Amino acid sequence: MSAAGRRPAVVSGSAIRHANRLCEEAVPDASRMSCVGETIRIEVPEAEFLIRLARPTAATTRLRIQAVFRENRPAGGTWWSSWEVDVGALPGSAEVGRALVAELTHSRASFTAALADARWTEAA
């Protein structure tokens, strides 16, 4: 995250293993990201994500994701969402990293599509 105007990523704990993949694949436009302990916080232009890595079993990682999406226009709306995903791998594994990328990419695309549909409906 060395681009002008960006703040450096703060990393430690097992969440650190996902910082590079998230920066490069899921959130290259992040304005702020921290990976501390078992918690990942990411801010992008249209949303903020809080992801907690939990271990419900010895071989499973649960991604507890909370997101706040904001519409970027006057009197735009705000939407809150939360969901969980179980990954059959340890918190620092590549499988968990791929699941994080997939979840963030999918949720951002879904939000963008939902806004486009809403604007199309408003215009009709």
Protein backbone atom coordinates (compact mmCIF):
# COMPACT_ATOMS: atom_id res chain seq x y z
CA MET A 1 0.00 0.00 0.00
CA SER A 2 2.60 2.52 -1.00
CA ALA A 3 0.45 4.56 -3.37
CA ALA A 4 0.27 8.26 -2.61
CA GLY A 5 -2.40 9.13 -0.10
CA ARG A 6 -2.73 5.65 1.33
CA ARG A 7 -1.89 4.78 4.87
CA PRO A 8 0.35 1.79 5.46
CA ALA A 9 -1.22 -1.52 6.46
CA VAL A 10 -0.88 -2.51 10.12
CA VAL A 11 -0.26 -6.24 10.49
CA SER A 12 0.42 -8.83 13.24
CA GLY A 13 -0.91 -12.23 14.38
CA SER A 14 -2.35 -14.86 12.03
CA ALA A 15 -4.35 -12.29 10.06
CA ILE A 16 -1.03 -11.00 8.70
CA ARG A 17 -0.84 -14.00 6.38
CA HIS A 18 -3.70 -12.58 4.31
CA ALA A 19 -2.55 -8.96 3.96
CA ASN A 20 -0.70 -9.29 0.64
CA ARG A 21 -3.40 -11.38 -1.02
CA LEU A 22 -6.13 -8.96 0.10
CA CYS A 23 -4.18 -5.91 -1.10
CA GLU A 24 -3.35 -7.43 -4.46
CA GLU A 25 -6.52 -9.40 -5.29
CA ALA A 26 -9.58 -8.30 -3.35
CA VAL A 27 -9.07 -4.70 -2.26
CA PRO A 28 -6.35 -2.98 -4.31
CA ASP A 29 -8.33 0.24 -3.79
CA ALA A 30 -8.34 0.00 0.02
CA SER A 31 -7.86 3.35 1.71
CA ARG A 32 -7.06 1.65 5.01
CA MET A 33 -6.47 -1.93 6.12
CA SER A 34 -5.29 -3.53 9.34
CA CYS A 35 -4.64 -7.19 10.02
CA VAL A 36 -4.12 -7.54 13.77
CA GLY A 37 -4.41 -10.77 15.69
CA GLU A 38 -7.46 -12.54 14.31
CA THR A 39 -9.19 -9.40 13.02
CA ILE A 40 -9.07 -7.78 9.60
CA ARG A 41 -10.48 -4.29 9.01
CA ILE A 42 -10.73 -2.90 5.49
CA GLU A 43 -12.03 0.42 4.18
CA VAL A 44 -12.77 0.80 0.47
CA PRO A 45 -14.56 3.67 -1.30
CA GLU A 46 -18.04 2.12 -0.98
CA ALA A 47 -17.73 0.00 2.17
CA GLU A 48 -16.08 -0.94 5.42
CA PHE A 49 -15.46 -4.57 6.36
CA LEU A 50 -14.72 -6.15 9.73
CA ILE A 51 -13.68 -9.80 9.50
CA ARG A 52 -12.94 -11.99 12.48
CA LEU A 53 -11.17 -15.32 12.06
CA ALA A 54 -12.53 -17.84 14.56
CA ARG A 55 -11.83 -21.55 15.05
CA PRO A 56 -15.01 -23.48 15.87
CA THR A 57 -13.05 -26.74 15.44
CA ALA A 58 -9.37 -27.64 15.34
CA ALA A 59 -9.39 -27.82 11.52
CA THR A 60 -11.96 -25.15 10.61
CA THR A 61 -11.82 -21.38 10.36
CA ARG A 62 -15.03 -19.37 10.54
CA LEU A 63 -15.01 -16.02 8.79
CA ARG A 64 -17.38 -13.66 10.63
CA ILE A 65 -17.89 -10.79 8.24
CA GLN A 66 -19.63 -7.50 8.96
CA ALA A 67 -19.99 -4.95 6.18
CA VAL A 68 -21.31 -1.42 5.89
CA PHE A 69 -22.01 -0.29 2.31
CA ARG A 70 -22.59 3.39 1.52
CA GLU A 71 -24.07 4.81 -1.63
CA ASN A 72 -21.87 7.60 -3.00
CA ARG A 73 -24.43 10.24 -3.95
CA PRO A 74 -26.36 12.98 -2.17
CA ALA A 75 -28.84 11.48 0.29
CA GLY A 76 -27.41 8.06 -0.53
CA GLY A 77 -28.35 5.08 1.57
CA THR A 78 -26.38 2.91 3.95
CA TRP A 79 -26.74 -0.86 4.19
CA TRP A 80 -25.44 -3.18 6.89
CA SER A 81 -24.82 -6.86 6.37
CA SER A 82 -23.20 -9.70 8.25
CA TRP A 83 -22.58 -13.33 7.38
CA GLU A 84 -20.40 -16.27 8.31
CA VAL A 85 -18.44 -18.69 6.15
CA ASP A 86 -16.75 -21.87 7.38
CA VAL A 87 -13.52 -22.88 5.66
CA GLY A 88 -12.05 -26.34 6.26
CA ALA A 89 -8.54 -25.02 6.94
CA LEU A 90 -6.46 -23.23 9.57
CA PRO A 91 -6.70 -19.40 9.89
CA GLY A 92 -3.38 -18.60 8.22
CA SER A 93 -3.80 -21.01 5.31
CA ALA A 94 -4.03 -20.20 1.61
CA GLU A 95 -7.54 -21.71 1.57
CA VAL A 96 -8.73 -19.11 4.08
CA GLY A 97 -7.03 -16.38 2.05
CA ARG A 98 -8.83 -17.51 -1.11
CA ALA A 99 -12.14 -17.59 0.78
CA LEU A 100 -11.56 -14.04 2.05
CA VAL A 101 -10.82 -12.79 -1.46
CA ALA A 102 -13.90 -14.58 -2.84
CA GLU A 103 -16.23 -13.22 -0.14
CA LEU A 104 -15.03 -9.62 -0.46
CA THR A 105 -15.05 -9.70 -4.25
CA HIS A 106 -18.54 -11.24 -4.35
CA SER A 107 -20.04 -8.88 -1.76
CA ARG A 108 -18.64 -5.78 -3.49
CA ALA A 109 -19.89 -6.95 -6.89
CA SER A 110 -23.32 -7.79 -5.45
CA PHE A 111 -23.63 -4.36 -3.86
CA THR A 112 -22.61 -2.63 -7.10
CA ALA A 113 -25.15 -4.69 -9.07
CA ALA A 114 -27.91 -4.00 -6.53
CA LEU A 115 -27.27 -0.25 -6.76
CA ALA A 116 -27.33 -0.38 -10.56
CA ASP A 117 -30.65 -2.24 -10.46
CA ALA A 118 -32.10 0.28 -8.00
CA ARG A 119 -31.02 3.22 -10.16
CA TRP A 120 -32.49 1.55 -13.26
CA THR A 121 -35.78 1.01 -11.41
CA GLU A 122 -35.81 4.63 -10.19
CA ALA A 123 -35.29 5.87 -13.76
CA ALA A 124 -38.10 3.75 -15.16
